[in-house]
Full PDB file with SEQRES, HELIX, SHEET, SSBOND, CRYST1, ORIGX, SCALE, CONECT and MASTER records, all heavy atoms in Angstrom:
SEQRES   1 A   30  ARG ARG LEU ASP GLU ALA GLU HIS GLU GLN LEU ARG SER          
SEQRES   2 A   30  PHE ALA ASN LEU VAL VAL GLY GLN ILE SER LEU LEU ARG          
SEQRES   3 A   30  SER MET GLY ARG                                              
HELIX    1 AA1 GLU A    5  ARG A   26  1                                  22    
CRYST1    1.000    1.000    1.000  90.00  90.00  90.00 P 1           1          
ORIGX1      1.000000  0.000000  0.000000        0.00000                         
ORIGX2      0.000000  1.000000  0.000000        0.00000                         
ORIGX3      0.000000  0.000000  1.000000        0.00000                         
SCALE1      1.000000  0.000000  0.000000        0.00000                         
SCALE2      0.000000  1.000000  0.000000        0.00000                         
SCALE3      0.000000  0.000000  1.000000        0.00000                         
ATOM      1  N   ARG A   1     -41.404  93.199  77.850  1.00  0.00           N  
ATOM      2  CA  ARG A   1     -41.214  92.697  76.484  1.00  0.00           C  
ATOM      3  C   ARG A   1     -40.074  91.721  76.480  1.00  0.00           C  
ATOM      4  O   ARG A   1     -39.327  91.572  77.478  1.00  0.00           O  
ATOM      5  CB  ARG A   1     -40.951  93.832  75.491  1.00  0.00           C  
ATOM      6  CG  ARG A   1     -39.663  94.601  75.734  1.00  0.00           C  
ATOM      7  CD  ARG A   1     -39.372  95.615  74.665  1.00  0.00           C  
ATOM      8  NE  ARG A   1     -38.937  94.991  73.417  1.00  0.00           N  
ATOM      9  CZ  ARG A   1     -38.552  95.685  72.365  1.00  0.00           C  
ATOM     10  NH1 ARG A   1     -38.583  97.004  72.392  1.00  0.00           N  
ATOM     11  NH2 ARG A   1     -38.171  95.072  71.278  1.00  0.00           N  
ATOM     12  N   ARG A   2     -39.880  91.002  75.371  1.00  0.00           N  
ATOM     13  CA  ARG A   2     -38.771  90.074  75.206  1.00  0.00           C  
ATOM     14  C   ARG A   2     -38.110  90.325  73.867  1.00  0.00           C  
ATOM     15  O   ARG A   2     -38.763  90.706  72.899  1.00  0.00           O  
ATOM     16  CB  ARG A   2     -39.246  88.622  75.250  1.00  0.00           C  
ATOM     17  CG  ARG A   2     -39.608  88.109  76.631  1.00  0.00           C  
ATOM     18  CD  ARG A   2     -39.993  86.636  76.572  1.00  0.00           C  
ATOM     19  NE  ARG A   2     -40.389  86.146  77.877  1.00  0.00           N  
ATOM     20  CZ  ARG A   2     -39.531  85.676  78.776  1.00  0.00           C  
ATOM     21  NH1 ARG A   2     -38.230  85.617  78.485  1.00  0.00           N  
ATOM     22  NH2 ARG A   2     -39.964  85.228  79.948  1.00  0.00           N  
ATOM     23  N   LEU A   3     -36.785  90.090  73.815  1.00  0.00           N  
ATOM     24  CA  LEU A   3     -36.041  90.148  72.545  1.00  0.00           C  
ATOM     25  C   LEU A   3     -35.985  88.769  71.956  1.00  0.00           C  
ATOM     26  O   LEU A   3     -35.806  87.757  72.669  1.00  0.00           O  
ATOM     27  CB  LEU A   3     -34.621  90.671  72.759  1.00  0.00           C  
ATOM     28  CG  LEU A   3     -34.436  92.071  73.362  1.00  0.00           C  
ATOM     29  CD1 LEU A   3     -32.957  92.410  73.438  1.00  0.00           C  
ATOM     30  CD2 LEU A   3     -35.184  93.106  72.555  1.00  0.00           C  
ATOM     31  N   ASP A   4     -36.083  88.677  70.620  1.00  0.00           N  
ATOM     32  CA  ASP A   4     -35.894  87.382  69.970  1.00  0.00           C  
ATOM     33  C   ASP A   4     -34.400  87.196  69.682  1.00  0.00           C  
ATOM     34  O   ASP A   4     -33.580  88.086  69.932  1.00  0.00           O  
ATOM     35  CB  ASP A   4     -36.739  87.232  68.706  1.00  0.00           C  
ATOM     36  CG  ASP A   4     -36.423  88.333  67.665  1.00  0.00           C  
ATOM     37  OD1 ASP A   4     -35.275  88.830  67.655  1.00  0.00           O  
ATOM     38  OD2 ASP A   4     -37.340  88.709  66.908  1.00  0.00           O  
ATOM     39  N   GLU A   5     -34.046  86.039  69.124  1.00  0.00           N  
ATOM     40  CA  GLU A   5     -32.620  85.729  68.943  1.00  0.00           C  
ATOM     41  C   GLU A   5     -31.975  86.686  67.951  1.00  0.00           C  
ATOM     42  O   GLU A   5     -30.798  87.077  68.099  1.00  0.00           O  
ATOM     43  CB  GLU A   5     -32.460  84.285  68.451  1.00  0.00           C  
ATOM     44  CG  GLU A   5     -31.011  83.830  68.379  1.00  0.00           C  
ATOM     45  CD  GLU A   5     -30.245  84.061  69.683  1.00  0.00           C  
ATOM     46  OE1 GLU A   5     -30.818  83.802  70.772  1.00  0.00           O  
ATOM     47  OE2 GLU A   5     -29.080  84.512  69.618  1.00  0.00           O  
ATOM     48  N   ALA A   6     -32.736  87.110  66.938  1.00  0.00           N  
ATOM     49  CA  ALA A   6     -32.179  88.055  65.970  1.00  0.00           C  
ATOM     50  C   ALA A   6     -31.863  89.399  66.642  1.00  0.00           C  
ATOM     51  O   ALA A   6     -30.844  90.025  66.357  1.00  0.00           O  
ATOM     52  CB  ALA A   6     -33.165  88.268  64.820  1.00  0.00           C  
ATOM     53  N   GLU A   7     -32.723  89.780  67.560  1.00  0.00           N  
ATOM     54  CA  GLU A   7     -32.487  91.042  68.288  1.00  0.00           C  
ATOM     55  C   GLU A   7     -31.314  90.886  69.258  1.00  0.00           C  
ATOM     56  O   GLU A   7     -30.552  91.840  69.474  1.00  0.00           O  
ATOM     57  CB  GLU A   7     -33.758  91.448  69.016  1.00  0.00           C  
ATOM     58  CG  GLU A   7     -34.866  91.943  68.086  1.00  0.00           C  
ATOM     59  CD  GLU A   7     -36.145  92.210  68.807  1.00  0.00           C  
ATOM     60  OE1 GLU A   7     -36.539  91.360  69.682  1.00  0.00           O  
ATOM     61  OE2 GLU A   7     -36.791  93.253  68.535  1.00  0.00           O  
ATOM     62  N   HIS A   8     -31.162  89.691  69.846  1.00  0.00           N  
ATOM     63  CA  HIS A   8     -29.994  89.433  70.692  1.00  0.00           C  
ATOM     64  C   HIS A   8     -28.700  89.632  69.877  1.00  0.00           C  
ATOM     65  O   HIS A   8     -27.741  90.275  70.333  1.00  0.00           O  
ATOM     66  CB  HIS A   8     -30.023  88.017  71.254  1.00  0.00           C  
ATOM     67  CG  HIS A   8     -30.939  87.858  72.428  1.00  0.00           C  
ATOM     68  ND1 HIS A   8     -31.068  86.684  73.134  1.00  0.00           N  
ATOM     69  CD2 HIS A   8     -31.743  88.747  73.067  1.00  0.00           C  
ATOM     70  CE1 HIS A   8     -31.924  86.846  74.120  1.00  0.00           C  
ATOM     71  NE2 HIS A   8     -32.358  88.102  74.111  1.00  0.00           N  
ATOM     72  N   GLU A   9     -28.717  89.073  68.676  1.00  0.00           N  
ATOM     73  CA  GLU A   9     -27.526  89.185  67.832  1.00  0.00           C  
ATOM     74  C   GLU A   9     -27.261  90.645  67.440  1.00  0.00           C  
ATOM     75  O   GLU A   9     -26.125  91.120  67.373  1.00  0.00           O  
ATOM     76  CB  GLU A   9     -27.687  88.305  66.581  1.00  0.00           C  
ATOM     77  CG  GLU A   9     -26.433  88.237  65.715  1.00  0.00           C  
ATOM     78  CD  GLU A   9     -25.243  87.649  66.450  1.00  0.00           C  
ATOM     79  OE1 GLU A   9     -25.448  86.751  67.289  1.00  0.00           O  
ATOM     80  OE2 GLU A   9     -24.107  88.127  66.215  1.00  0.00           O  
ATOM     81  N   GLN A  10     -28.369  91.339  67.198  1.00  0.00           N  
ATOM     82  CA  GLN A  10     -28.248  92.753  66.853  1.00  0.00           C  
ATOM     83  C   GLN A  10     -27.689  93.570  68.029  1.00  0.00           C  
ATOM     84  O   GLN A  10     -26.851  94.455  67.837  1.00  0.00           O  
ATOM     85  CB  GLN A  10     -29.623  93.284  66.461  1.00  0.00           C  
ATOM     86  CG  GLN A  10     -29.598  94.647  65.756  1.00  0.00           C  
ATOM     87  CD  GLN A  10     -30.959  95.060  65.267  1.00  0.00           C  
ATOM     88  OE1 GLN A  10     -31.982  94.574  65.734  1.00  0.00           O  
ATOM     89  NE2 GLN A  10     -30.977  95.944  64.275  1.00  0.00           N  
ATOM     90  N   LEU A  11     -28.105  93.237  69.268  1.00  0.00           N  
ATOM     91  CA  LEU A  11     -27.586  93.947  70.438  1.00  0.00           C  
ATOM     92  C   LEU A  11     -26.101  93.662  70.628  1.00  0.00           C  
ATOM     93  O   LEU A  11     -25.344  94.536  70.979  1.00  0.00           O  
ATOM     94  CB  LEU A  11     -28.374  93.538  71.672  1.00  0.00           C  
ATOM     95  CG  LEU A  11     -28.007  94.261  72.969  1.00  0.00           C  
ATOM     96  CD1 LEU A  11     -28.081  95.782  72.822  1.00  0.00           C  
ATOM     97  CD2 LEU A  11     -28.908  93.783  74.124  1.00  0.00           C  
ATOM     98  N   ARG A  12     -25.693  92.413  70.352  1.00  0.00           N  
ATOM     99  CA  ARG A  12     -24.255  92.093  70.404  1.00  0.00           C  
ATOM    100  C   ARG A  12     -23.468  92.940  69.396  1.00  0.00           C  
ATOM    101  O   ARG A  12     -22.360  93.402  69.667  1.00  0.00           O  
ATOM    102  CB  ARG A  12     -24.042  90.609  70.129  1.00  0.00           C  
ATOM    103  CG  ARG A  12     -24.609  89.688  71.176  1.00  0.00           C  
ATOM    104  CD  ARG A  12     -24.215  88.215  70.884  1.00  0.00           C  
ATOM    105  NE  ARG A  12     -24.979  87.315  71.716  1.00  0.00           N  
ATOM    106  CZ  ARG A  12     -26.050  86.624  71.288  1.00  0.00           C  
ATOM    107  NH1 ARG A  12     -26.448  86.707  70.009  1.00  0.00           N  
ATOM    108  NH2 ARG A  12     -26.681  85.811  72.129  1.00  0.00           N  
ATOM    109  N   SER A  13     -24.067  93.121  68.224  1.00  0.00           N  
ATOM    110  CA  SER A  13     -23.393  93.942  67.196  1.00  0.00           C  
ATOM    111  C   SER A  13     -23.241  95.372  67.641  1.00  0.00           C  
ATOM    112  O   SER A  13     -22.212  96.036  67.419  1.00  0.00           O  
ATOM    113  CB  SER A  13     -24.184  93.870  65.885  1.00  0.00           C  
ATOM    114  OG  SER A  13     -24.220  92.552  65.382  1.00  0.00           O  
ATOM    115  N   PHE A  14     -24.278  95.892  68.318  1.00  0.00           N  
ATOM    116  CA  PHE A  14     -24.177  97.249  68.827  1.00  0.00           C  
ATOM    117  C   PHE A  14     -23.091  97.337  69.919  1.00  0.00           C  
ATOM    118  O   PHE A  14     -22.354  98.338  69.985  1.00  0.00           O  
ATOM    119  CB  PHE A  14     -25.536  97.707  69.409  1.00  0.00           C  
ATOM    120  CG  PHE A  14     -26.409  98.388  68.394  1.00  0.00           C  
ATOM    121  CD1 PHE A  14     -27.426  97.672  67.744  1.00  0.00           C  
ATOM    122  CD2 PHE A  14     -26.211  99.724  68.063  1.00  0.00           C  
ATOM    123  CE1 PHE A  14     -28.224  98.303  66.783  1.00  0.00           C  
ATOM    124  CE2 PHE A  14     -27.005 100.345  67.102  1.00  0.00           C  
ATOM    125  CZ  PHE A  14     -28.027  99.626  66.459  1.00  0.00           C  
ATOM    126  N   ALA A  15     -22.990  96.300  70.749  1.00  0.00           N  
ATOM    127  CA  ALA A  15     -21.938  96.300  71.777  1.00  0.00           C  
ATOM    128  C   ALA A  15     -20.568  96.322  71.117  1.00  0.00           C  
ATOM    129  O   ALA A  15     -19.657  97.075  71.553  1.00  0.00           O  
ATOM    130  CB  ALA A  15     -22.083  95.072  72.687  1.00  0.00           C  
ATOM    131  N   ASN A  16     -20.379  95.511  70.068  1.00  0.00           N  
ATOM    132  CA  ASN A  16     -19.128  95.525  69.343  1.00  0.00           C  
ATOM    133  C   ASN A  16     -18.850  96.852  68.695  1.00  0.00           C  
ATOM    134  O   ASN A  16     -17.716  97.332  68.631  1.00  0.00           O  
ATOM    135  CB  ASN A  16     -19.101  94.428  68.265  1.00  0.00           C  
ATOM    136  CG  ASN A  16     -19.117  93.028  68.853  1.00  0.00           C  
ATOM    137  OD1 ASN A  16     -18.634  92.842  69.981  1.00  0.00           O  
ATOM    138  ND2 ASN A  16     -19.633  92.052  68.143  1.00  0.00           N  
ATOM    139  N   LEU A  17     -19.913  97.505  68.210  1.00  0.00           N  
ATOM    140  CA  LEU A  17     -19.774  98.817  67.590  1.00  0.00           C  
ATOM    141  C   LEU A  17     -19.306  99.841  68.622  1.00  0.00           C  
ATOM    142  O   LEU A  17     -18.429 100.675  68.334  1.00  0.00           O  
ATOM    143  CB  LEU A  17     -21.121  99.242  66.983  1.00  0.00           C  
ATOM    144  CG  LEU A  17     -21.128 100.563  66.189  1.00  0.00           C  
ATOM    145  CD1 LEU A  17     -20.201 100.467  65.002  1.00  0.00           C  
ATOM    146  CD2 LEU A  17     -22.557 100.875  65.723  1.00  0.00           C  
ATOM    147  N   VAL A  18     -19.863  99.774  69.835  1.00  0.00           N  
ATOM    148  CA  VAL A  18     -19.443 100.704  70.899  1.00  0.00           C  
ATOM    149  C   VAL A  18     -17.987 100.471  71.258  1.00  0.00           C  
ATOM    150  O   VAL A  18     -17.186 101.415  71.381  1.00  0.00           O  
ATOM    151  CB  VAL A  18     -20.349 100.543  72.130  1.00  0.00           C  
ATOM    152  CG1 VAL A  18     -19.778 101.366  73.313  1.00  0.00           C  
ATOM    153  CG2 VAL A  18     -21.752 100.966  71.831  1.00  0.00           C  
ATOM    154  N   VAL A  19     -17.600  99.176  71.426  1.00  0.00           N  
ATOM    155  CA  VAL A  19     -16.215  98.877  71.783  1.00  0.00           C  
ATOM    156  C   VAL A  19     -15.267  99.356  70.700  1.00  0.00           C  
ATOM    157  O   VAL A  19     -14.192  99.923  70.951  1.00  0.00           O  
ATOM    158  CB  VAL A  19     -16.052  97.370  72.019  1.00  0.00           C  
ATOM    159  CG1 VAL A  19     -14.569  96.999  72.135  1.00  0.00           C  
ATOM    160  CG2 VAL A  19     -16.792  96.940  73.283  1.00  0.00           C  
ATOM    161  N   GLY A  20     -15.656  99.148  69.443  1.00  0.00           N  
ATOM    162  CA  GLY A  20     -14.817  99.613  68.339  1.00  0.00           C  
ATOM    163  C   GLY A  20     -14.668 101.113  68.361  1.00  0.00           C  
ATOM    164  O   GLY A  20     -13.562 101.638  68.074  1.00  0.00           O  
ATOM    165  N   GLN A  21     -15.764 101.800  68.628  1.00  0.00           N  
ATOM    166  CA  GLN A  21     -15.686 103.258  68.676  1.00  0.00           C  
ATOM    167  C   GLN A  21     -14.821 103.743  69.820  1.00  0.00           C  
ATOM    168  O   GLN A  21     -14.022 104.675  69.666  1.00  0.00           O  
ATOM    169  CB  GLN A  21     -17.082 103.856  68.779  1.00  0.00           C  
ATOM    170  CG  GLN A  21     -17.126 105.357  68.608  1.00  0.00           C  
ATOM    171  CD  GLN A  21     -16.614 105.799  67.251  1.00  0.00           C  
ATOM    172  OE1 GLN A  21     -16.905 105.181  66.216  1.00  0.00           O  
ATOM    173  NE2 GLN A  21     -15.807 106.835  67.208  1.00  0.00           N  
ATOM    174  N   ILE A  22     -14.945 103.087  70.980  1.00  0.00           N  
ATOM    175  CA  ILE A  22     -14.096 103.471  72.135  1.00  0.00           C  
ATOM    176  C   ILE A  22     -12.621 103.237  71.785  1.00  0.00           C  
ATOM    177  O   ILE A  22     -11.765 104.084  72.048  1.00  0.00           O  
ATOM    178  CB  ILE A  22     -14.481 102.644  73.378  1.00  0.00           C  
ATOM    179  CG1 ILE A  22     -15.839 103.119  73.916  1.00  0.00           C  
ATOM    180  CG2 ILE A  22     -13.432 102.769  74.477  1.00  0.00           C  
ATOM    181  CD1 ILE A  22     -16.375 102.302  75.068  1.00  0.00           C  
ATOM    182  N   SER A  23     -12.321 102.100  71.180  1.00  0.00           N  
ATOM    183  CA  SER A  23     -10.947 101.799  70.782  1.00  0.00           C  
ATOM    184  C   SER A  23     -10.440 102.808  69.766  1.00  0.00           C  
ATOM    185  O   SER A  23      -9.294 103.253  69.820  1.00  0.00           O  
ATOM    186  CB  SER A  23     -10.832 100.388  70.204  1.00  0.00           C  
ATOM    187  OG  SER A  23     -11.250  99.437  71.166  1.00  0.00           O  
ATOM    188  N   LEU A  24     -11.319 103.183  68.834  1.00  0.00           N  
ATOM    189  CA  LEU A  24     -10.907 104.165  67.817  1.00  0.00           C  
ATOM    190  C   LEU A  24     -10.636 105.521  68.452  1.00  0.00           C  
ATOM    191  O   LEU A  24      -9.605 106.151  68.115  1.00  0.00           O  
ATOM    192  CB  LEU A  24     -12.025 104.302  66.769  1.00  0.00           C  
ATOM    193  CG  LEU A  24     -11.800 105.329  65.660  1.00  0.00           C  
ATOM    194  CD1 LEU A  24     -10.568 104.933  64.831  1.00  0.00           C  
ATOM    195  CD2 LEU A  24     -13.012 105.459  64.782  1.00  0.00           C  
ATOM    196  N   LEU A  25     -11.487 105.940  69.359  1.00  0.00           N  
ATOM    197  CA  LEU A  25     -11.284 107.231  70.029  1.00  0.00           C  
ATOM    198  C   LEU A  25      -9.984 107.223  70.813  1.00  0.00           C  
ATOM    199  O   LEU A  25      -9.292 108.242  70.865  1.00  0.00           O  
ATOM    200  CB  LEU A  25     -12.475 107.550  70.933  1.00  0.00           C  
ATOM    201  CG  LEU A  25     -13.798 107.854  70.236  1.00  0.00           C  
ATOM    202  CD1 LEU A  25     -14.922 107.934  71.248  1.00  0.00           C  
ATOM    203  CD2 LEU A  25     -13.692 109.128  69.451  1.00  0.00           C  
ATOM    204  N   ARG A  26      -9.682 106.076  71.397  1.00  0.00           N  
ATOM    205  CA  ARG A  26      -8.450 106.001  72.206  1.00  0.00           C  
ATOM    206  C   ARG A  26      -7.210 105.890  71.326  1.00  0.00           C  
ATOM    207  O   ARG A  26      -6.115 106.164  71.794  1.00  0.00           O  
ATOM    208  CB  ARG A  26      -8.509 104.821  73.159  1.00  0.00           C  
ATOM    209  CG  ARG A  26      -9.530 104.950  74.246  1.00  0.00           C  
ATOM    210  CD  ARG A  26      -9.456 103.802  75.241  1.00  0.00           C  
ATOM    211  NE  ARG A  26      -8.152 103.726  75.838  1.00  0.00           N  
ATOM    212  CZ  ARG A  26      -7.331 102.699  75.710  1.00  0.00           C  
ATOM    213  NH1 ARG A  26      -7.674 101.648  74.982  1.00  0.00           N  
ATOM    214  NH2 ARG A  26      -6.141 102.703  76.275  1.00  0.00           N  
ATOM    215  N   SER A  27      -7.372 105.483  70.100  1.00  0.00           N  
ATOM    216  CA  SER A  27      -6.198 105.292  69.218  1.00  0.00           C  
ATOM    217  C   SER A  27      -6.015 106.425  68.214  1.00  0.00           C  
ATOM    218  O   SER A  27      -5.194 106.341  67.341  1.00  0.00           O  
ATOM    219  CB  SER A  27      -6.338 103.973  68.462  1.00  0.00           C  
ATOM    220  OG  SER A  27      -7.452 104.007  67.589  1.00  0.00           O  
ATOM    221  N   MET A  28      -6.814 107.468  68.354  1.00  0.00           N  
ATOM    222  CA  MET A  28      -6.726 108.574  67.406  1.00  0.00           C  
ATOM    223  C   MET A  28      -5.664 109.595  67.763  1.00  0.00           C  
ATOM    224  O   MET A  28      -5.667 110.717  67.328  1.00  0.00           O  
ATOM    225  CB  MET A  28      -8.086 109.281  67.319  1.00  0.00           C  
ATOM    226  CG  MET A  28      -9.133 108.515  66.535  1.00  0.00           C  
ATOM    227  SD  MET A  28     -10.727 109.356  66.570  1.00  0.00           S  
ATOM    228  CE  MET A  28     -10.336 110.897  65.771  1.00  0.00           C  
ATOM    229  N   GLY A  29      -4.700 109.202  68.614  1.00  0.00           N  
ATOM    230  CA  GLY A  29      -3.658 110.127  68.997  1.00  0.00           C  
ATOM    231  C   GLY A  29      -4.086 111.106  70.052  1.00  0.00           C  
ATOM    232  O   GLY A  29      -3.415 112.092  70.291  1.00  0.00           O  
ATOM    233  N   ARG A  30      -5.225 110.830  70.720  1.00  0.00           N  
ATOM    234  CA  ARG A  30      -5.701 111.750  71.748  1.00  0.00           C  
ATOM    235  C   ARG A  30      -5.567 111.133  73.154  1.00  0.00           C  
ATOM    236  O   ARG A  30      -6.045 111.721  74.115  1.00  0.00           O  
ATOM    237  CB  ARG A  30      -7.156 112.071  71.510  1.00  0.00           C  
ATOM    238  CG  ARG A  30      -7.451 112.639  70.109  1.00  0.00           C  
ATOM    239  CD  ARG A  30      -7.206 114.125  70.043  1.00  0.00           C  
ATOM    240  NE  ARG A  30      -7.568 114.649  68.738  1.00  0.00           N  
ATOM    241  CZ  ARG A  30      -8.803 115.012  68.406  1.00  0.00           C  
ATOM    242  NH1 ARG A  30      -9.783 114.902  69.276  1.00  0.00           N  
ATOM    243  NH2 ARG A  30      -9.061 115.473  67.203  1.00  0.00           N  
TER     244      ARG A  30                                                      
MASTER        0    0    0    1    0    0    0    6  243    1    0    3          
END                                                                             
């Protein structure tokens, strides 16, 4: 299958969401 450009942008958003969550977990005082 292939992803269209909208799906590419959506995958980038998920990557940013993961990075944000990792940063949040690391900054929660733990």
